[in-house]
Amino acid sequence: MKYLKFFVLLLALICFFEVYYLHSMLSFIDKPFLYAGIVFLMLFGLIHYKTKKQ
């Protein structure tokens, strides 16, 4: 479960980096990457909360 938490966080960071890169180079935000990053970040928070509570 510990590795899953960091994998989800890594996926969120990759999605947010892709949004930053597209915005800085092409001046638009690719919304699917933004939504995926938000979902992965919320999933990370949920997994972190559940494992910390045990």
PDB file of N, CA and C in Angstrom:
ATOM      1  N   MET A   1       0.825  -1.191   0.000  1.00  0.00           N
ATOM      2  CA  MET A   1       0.000   0.000   0.000  1.00  0.00           C
ATOM      3  C   MET A   1       0.869   1.254   0.000  1.00  0.00           C
ATOM      4  N   LYS A   2       2.049   1.144   0.614  1.00  0.00           N
ATOM      5  CA  LYS A   2       2.941   2.297   0.681  1.00  0.00           C
ATOM      6  C   LYS A   2       3.418   2.702  -0.710  1.00  0.00           C
ATOM      7  N   TYR A   3       3.743   1.712  -1.559  1.00  0.00           N
ATOM      8  CA  TYR A   3       4.215   2.021  -2.897  1.00  0.00           C
ATOM      9  C   TYR A   3       3.094   2.553  -3.779  1.00  0.00           C
ATOM     10  N   LEU A   4       1.874   2.089  -3.559  1.00  0.00           N
ATOM     11  CA  LEU A   4       0.730   2.585  -4.312  1.00  0.00           C
ATOM     12  C   LEU A   4       0.524   4.079  -4.046  1.00  0.00           C
ATOM     13  N   LYS A   5       0.710   4.473  -2.788  1.00  0.00           N
ATOM     14  CA  LYS A   5       0.544   5.882  -2.413  1.00  0.00           C
ATOM     15  C   LYS A   5       1.530   6.764  -3.174  1.00  0.00           C
ATOM     16  N   PHE A   6       2.781   6.356  -3.242  1.00  0.00           N
ATOM     17  CA  PHE A   6       3.785   7.162  -3.932  1.00  0.00           C
ATOM     18  C   PHE A   6       3.618   7.094  -5.451  1.00  0.00           C
ATOM     19  N   PHE A   7       3.123   5.975  -5.968  1.00  0.00           N
ATOM     20  CA  PHE A   7       2.861   5.858  -7.397  1.00  0.00           C
ATOM     21  C   PHE A   7       1.747   6.811  -7.822  1.00  0.00           C
ATOM     22  N   VAL A   8       0.698   6.911  -7.017  1.00  0.00           N
ATOM     23  CA  VAL A   8      -0.409   7.816  -7.317  1.00  0.00           C
ATOM     24  C   VAL A   8       0.069   9.265  -7.243  1.00  0.00           C
ATOM     25  N   LEU A   9       0.893   9.580  -6.262  1.00  0.00           N
ATOM     26  CA  LEU A   9       1.452  10.931  -6.169  1.00  0.00           C
ATOM     27  C   LEU A   9       2.333  11.247  -7.373  1.00  0.00           C
ATOM     28  N   LEU A  10       3.113  10.289  -7.822  1.00  0.00           N
ATOM     29  CA  LEU A  10       3.951  10.478  -9.000  1.00  0.00           C
ATOM     30  C   LEU A  10       3.096  10.719 -10.244  1.00  0.00           C
ATOM     31  N   LEU A  11       2.008   9.985 -10.396  1.00  0.00           N
ATOM     32  CA  LEU A  11       1.115  10.201 -11.523  1.00  0.00           C
ATOM     33  C   LEU A  11       0.502  11.600 -11.483  1.00  0.00           C
ATOM     34  N   ALA A  12       0.124  12.065 -10.302  1.00  0.00           N
ATOM     35  CA  ALA A  12      -0.434  13.407 -10.171  1.00  0.00           C
ATOM     36  C   ALA A  12       0.602  14.456 -10.556  1.00  0.00           C
ATOM     37  N   LEU A  13       1.818  14.292 -10.113  1.00  0.00           N
ATOM     38  CA  LEU A  13       2.876  15.260 -10.450  1.00  0.00           C
ATOM     39  C   LEU A  13       3.177  15.262 -11.946  1.00  0.00           C
ATOM     40  N   ILE A  14       3.157  14.095 -12.571  1.00  0.00           N
ATOM     41  CA  ILE A  14       3.384  14.029 -14.013  1.00  0.00           C
ATOM     42  C   ILE A  14       2.268  14.751 -14.759  1.00  0.00           C
ATOM     43  N   CYS A  15       1.038  14.555 -14.342  1.00  0.00           N
ATOM     44  CA  CYS A  15      -0.089  15.233 -14.986  1.00  0.00           C
ATOM     45  C   CYS A  15       0.021  16.750 -14.827  1.00  0.00           C
ATOM     46  N   PHE A  16       0.349  17.208 -13.621  1.00  0.00           N
ATOM     47  CA  PHE A  16       0.481  18.649 -13.400  1.00  0.00           C
ATOM     48  C   PHE A  16       1.666  19.238 -14.173  1.00  0.00           C
ATOM     49  N   PHE A  17       2.757  18.475 -14.296  1.00  0.00           N
ATOM     50  CA  PHE A  17       3.885  18.945 -15.089  1.00  0.00           C
ATOM     51  C   PHE A  17       3.493  19.068 -16.560  1.00  0.00           C
ATOM     52  N   GLU A  18       2.715  18.106 -17.054  1.00  0.00           N
ATOM     53  CA  GLU A  18       2.260  18.167 -18.442  1.00  0.00           C
ATOM     54  C   GLU A  18       1.373  19.395 -18.678  1.00  0.00           C
ATOM     55  N   VAL A  19       0.509  19.700 -17.724  1.00  0.00           N
ATOM     56  CA  VAL A  19      -0.332  20.901 -17.836  1.00  0.00           C
ATOM     57  C   VAL A  19       0.539  22.146 -17.848  1.00  0.00           C
ATOM     58  N   TYR A  20       1.530  22.209 -16.985  1.00  0.00           N
ATOM     59  CA  TYR A  20       2.442  23.361 -16.950  1.00  0.00           C
ATOM     60  C   TYR A  20       3.210  23.491 -18.265  1.00  0.00           C
ATOM     61  N   TYR A  21       3.698  22.371 -18.775  1.00  0.00           N
ATOM     62  CA  TYR A  21       4.485  22.395 -20.003  1.00  0.00           C
ATOM     63  C   TYR A  21       3.639  22.867 -21.189  1.00  0.00           C
ATOM     64  N   LEU A  22       2.442  22.321 -21.316  1.00  0.00           N
ATOM     65  CA  LEU A  22       1.583  22.735 -22.425  1.00  0.00           C
ATOM     66  C   LEU A  22       1.185  24.204 -22.302  1.00  0.00           C
ATOM     67  N   HIS A  23       0.931  24.665 -21.093  1.00  0.00           N
ATOM     68  CA  HIS A  23       0.550  26.062 -20.910  1.00  0.00           C
ATOM     69  C   HIS A  23       1.717  26.999 -21.213  1.00  0.00           C
ATOM     70  N   SER A  24       2.909  26.610 -20.813  1.00  0.00           N
ATOM     71  CA  SER A  24       4.056  27.496 -21.050  1.00  0.00           C
ATOM     72  C   SER A  24       4.500  27.493 -22.511  1.00  0.00           C
ATOM     73  N   MET A  25       4.372  26.364 -23.200  1.00  0.00           N
ATOM     74  CA  MET A  25       4.836  26.284 -24.585  1.00  0.00           C
ATOM     75  C   MET A  25       3.751  26.659 -25.597  1.00  0.00           C
ATOM     76  N   LEU A  26       2.507  26.273 -25.324  1.00  0.00           N
ATOM     77  CA  LEU A  26       1.457  26.455 -26.329  1.00  0.00           C
ATOM     78  C   LEU A  26       0.332  27.374 -25.871  1.00  0.00           C
ATOM     79  N   SER A  27       0.400  27.854 -24.648  1.00  0.00           N
ATOM     80  CA  SER A  27      -0.565  28.799 -24.083  1.00  0.00           C
ATOM     81  C   SER A  27      -1.994  28.269 -24.018  1.00  0.00           C
ATOM     82  N   PHE A  28      -2.144  26.992 -23.740  1.00  0.00           N
ATOM     83  CA  PHE A  28      -3.466  26.459 -23.439  1.00  0.00           C
ATOM     84  C   PHE A  28      -3.321  25.359 -22.396  1.00  0.00           C
ATOM     85  N   ILE A  29      -4.394  25.062 -21.728  1.00  0.00           N
ATOM     86  CA  ILE A  29      -4.390  24.033 -20.688  1.00  0.00           C
ATOM     87  C   ILE A  29      -5.160  22.832 -21.209  1.00  0.00           C
ATOM     88  N   ASP A  30      -4.528  21.679 -21.190  1.00  0.00           N
ATOM     89  CA  ASP A  30      -5.179  20.442 -21.610  1.00  0.00           C
ATOM     90  C   ASP A  30      -5.978  19.918 -20.414  1.00  0.00           C
ATOM     91  N   LYS A  31      -7.271  20.095 -20.463  1.00  0.00           N
ATOM     92  CA  LYS A  31      -8.121  19.818 -19.306  1.00  0.00           C
ATOM     93  C   LYS A  31      -8.144  18.355 -18.855  1.00  0.00           C
ATOM     94  N   PRO A  32      -8.062  17.359 -19.740  1.00  0.00           N
ATOM     95  CA  PRO A  32      -8.021  15.976 -19.228  1.00  0.00           C
ATOM     96  C   PRO A  32      -6.829  15.714 -18.307  1.00  0.00           C
ATOM     97  N   PHE A  33      -5.669  16.295 -18.633  1.00  0.00           N
ATOM     98  CA  PHE A  33      -4.515  16.129 -17.752  1.00  0.00           C
ATOM     99  C   PHE A  33      -4.736  16.851 -16.426  1.00  0.00           C
ATOM    100  N   LEU A  34      -5.373  17.991 -16.466  1.00  0.00           N
ATOM    101  CA  LEU A  34      -5.662  18.735 -15.248  1.00  0.00           C
ATOM    102  C   LEU A  34      -6.622  17.950 -14.357  1.00  0.00           C
ATOM    103  N   TYR A  35      -7.689  17.414 -14.955  1.00  0.00           N
ATOM    104  CA  TYR A  35      -8.659  16.635 -14.190  1.00  0.00           C
ATOM    105  C   TYR A  35      -8.032  15.355 -13.637  1.00  0.00           C
ATOM    106  N   ALA A  36      -7.201  14.700 -14.437  1.00  0.00           N
ATOM    107  CA  ALA A  36      -6.533  13.475 -13.970  1.00  0.00           C
ATOM    108  C   ALA A  36      -5.600  13.786 -12.805  1.00  0.00           C
ATOM    109  N   GLY A  37      -4.879  14.906 -12.892  1.00  0.00           N
ATOM    110  CA  GLY A  37      -3.994  15.291 -11.794  1.00  0.00           C
ATOM    111  C   GLY A  37      -4.758  15.561 -10.515  1.00  0.00           C
ATOM    112  N   ILE A  38      -5.903  16.209 -10.626  1.00  0.00           N
ATOM    113  CA  ILE A  38      -6.723  16.484  -9.441  1.00  0.00           C
ATOM    114  C   ILE A  38      -7.262  15.197  -8.845  1.00  0.00           C
ATOM    115  N   VAL A  39      -7.709  14.282  -9.704  1.00  0.00           N
ATOM    116  CA  VAL A  39      -8.235  12.996  -9.221  1.00  0.00           C
ATOM    117  C   VAL A  39      -7.134  12.191  -8.539  1.00  0.00           C
ATOM    118  N   PHE A  40      -5.949  12.125  -9.153  1.00  0.00           N
ATOM    119  CA  PHE A  40      -4.842  11.388  -8.539  1.00  0.00           C
ATOM    120  C   PHE A  40      -4.406  12.033  -7.226  1.00  0.00           C
ATOM    121  N   LEU A  41      -4.450  13.357  -7.148  1.00  0.00           N
ATOM    122  CA  LEU A  41      -4.091  14.035  -5.909  1.00  0.00           C
ATOM    123  C   LEU A  41      -5.108  13.745  -4.805  1.00  0.00           C
ATOM    124  N   MET A  42      -6.392  13.735  -5.155  1.00  0.00           N
ATOM    125  CA  MET A  42      -7.417  13.393  -4.159  1.00  0.00           C
ATOM    126  C   MET A  42      -7.298  11.926  -3.743  1.00  0.00           C
ATOM    127  N   LEU A  43      -6.984  11.050  -4.693  1.00  0.00           N
ATOM    128  CA  LEU A  43      -6.791   9.639  -4.368  1.00  0.00           C
ATOM    129  C   LEU A  43      -5.597   9.455  -3.446  1.00  0.00           C
ATOM    130  N   PHE A  44      -4.520  10.206  -3.681  1.00  0.00           N
ATOM    131  CA  PHE A  44      -3.364  10.159  -2.791  1.00  0.00           C
ATOM    132  C   PHE A  44      -3.755  10.586  -1.376  1.00  0.00           C
ATOM    133  N   GLY A  45      -4.521  11.665  -1.271  1.00  0.00           N
ATOM    134  CA  GLY A  45      -4.956  12.130   0.052  1.00  0.00           C
ATOM    135  C   GLY A  45      -5.823  11.096   0.751  1.00  0.00           C
ATOM    136  N   LEU A  46      -6.699  10.443   0.004  1.00  0.00           N
ATOM    137  CA  LEU A  46      -7.555   9.416   0.588  1.00  0.00           C
ATOM    138  C   LEU A  46      -6.741   8.217   1.067  1.00  0.00           C
ATOM    139  N   ILE A  47      -5.810   7.758   0.251  1.00  0.00           N
ATOM    140  CA  ILE A  47      -4.959   6.623   0.648  1.00  0.00           C
ATOM    141  C   ILE A  47      -4.098   7.004   1.828  1.00  0.00           C
ATOM    142  N   HIS A  48      -3.553   8.207   1.827  1.00  0.00           N
ATOM    143  CA  HIS A  48      -2.701   8.664   2.929  1.00  0.00           C
ATOM    144  C   HIS A  48      -3.515   8.742   4.232  1.00  0.00           C
ATOM    145  N   TYR A  49      -4.726   9.247   4.136  1.00  0.00           N
ATOM    146  CA  TYR A  49      -5.592   9.367   5.313  1.00  0.00           C
ATOM    147  C   TYR A  49      -5.944   7.986   5.849  1.00  0.00           C
ATOM    148  N   LYS A  50      -6.282   7.052   4.961  1.00  0.00           N
ATOM    149  CA  LYS A  50      -6.671   5.703   5.393  1.00  0.00           C
ATOM    150  C   LYS A  50      -5.516   4.959   6.022  1.00  0.00           C
ATOM    151  N   THR A  51      -4.314   5.072   5.476  1.00  0.00           N
ATOM    152  CA  THR A  51      -3.160   4.351   6.034  1.00  0.00           C
ATOM    153  C   THR A  51      -2.674   5.007   7.318  1.00  0.00           C
ATOM    154  N   LYS A  52      -2.819   6.310   7.427  1.00  0.00           N
ATOM    155  CA  LYS A  52      -2.379   6.986   8.642  1.00  0.00           C
ATOM    156  C   LYS A  52      -3.323   6.705   9.809  1.00  0.00           C
ATOM    157  N   LYS A  53      -4.593   6.491   9.487  1.00  0.00           N
ATOM    158  CA  LYS A  53      -5.606   6.267  10.523  1.00  0.00           C
ATOM    159  C   LYS A  53      -5.454   4.895  11.179  1.00  0.00           C
ATOM    160  N   GLN A  54      -4.894   3.910  10.450  1.00  0.00           N
ATOM    161  CA  GLN A  54      -4.763   2.556  10.990  1.00  0.00           C
ATOM    162  C   GLN A  54      -3.722   2.449  12.037  1.00  0.00           C
TER     163      GLN A  54
END
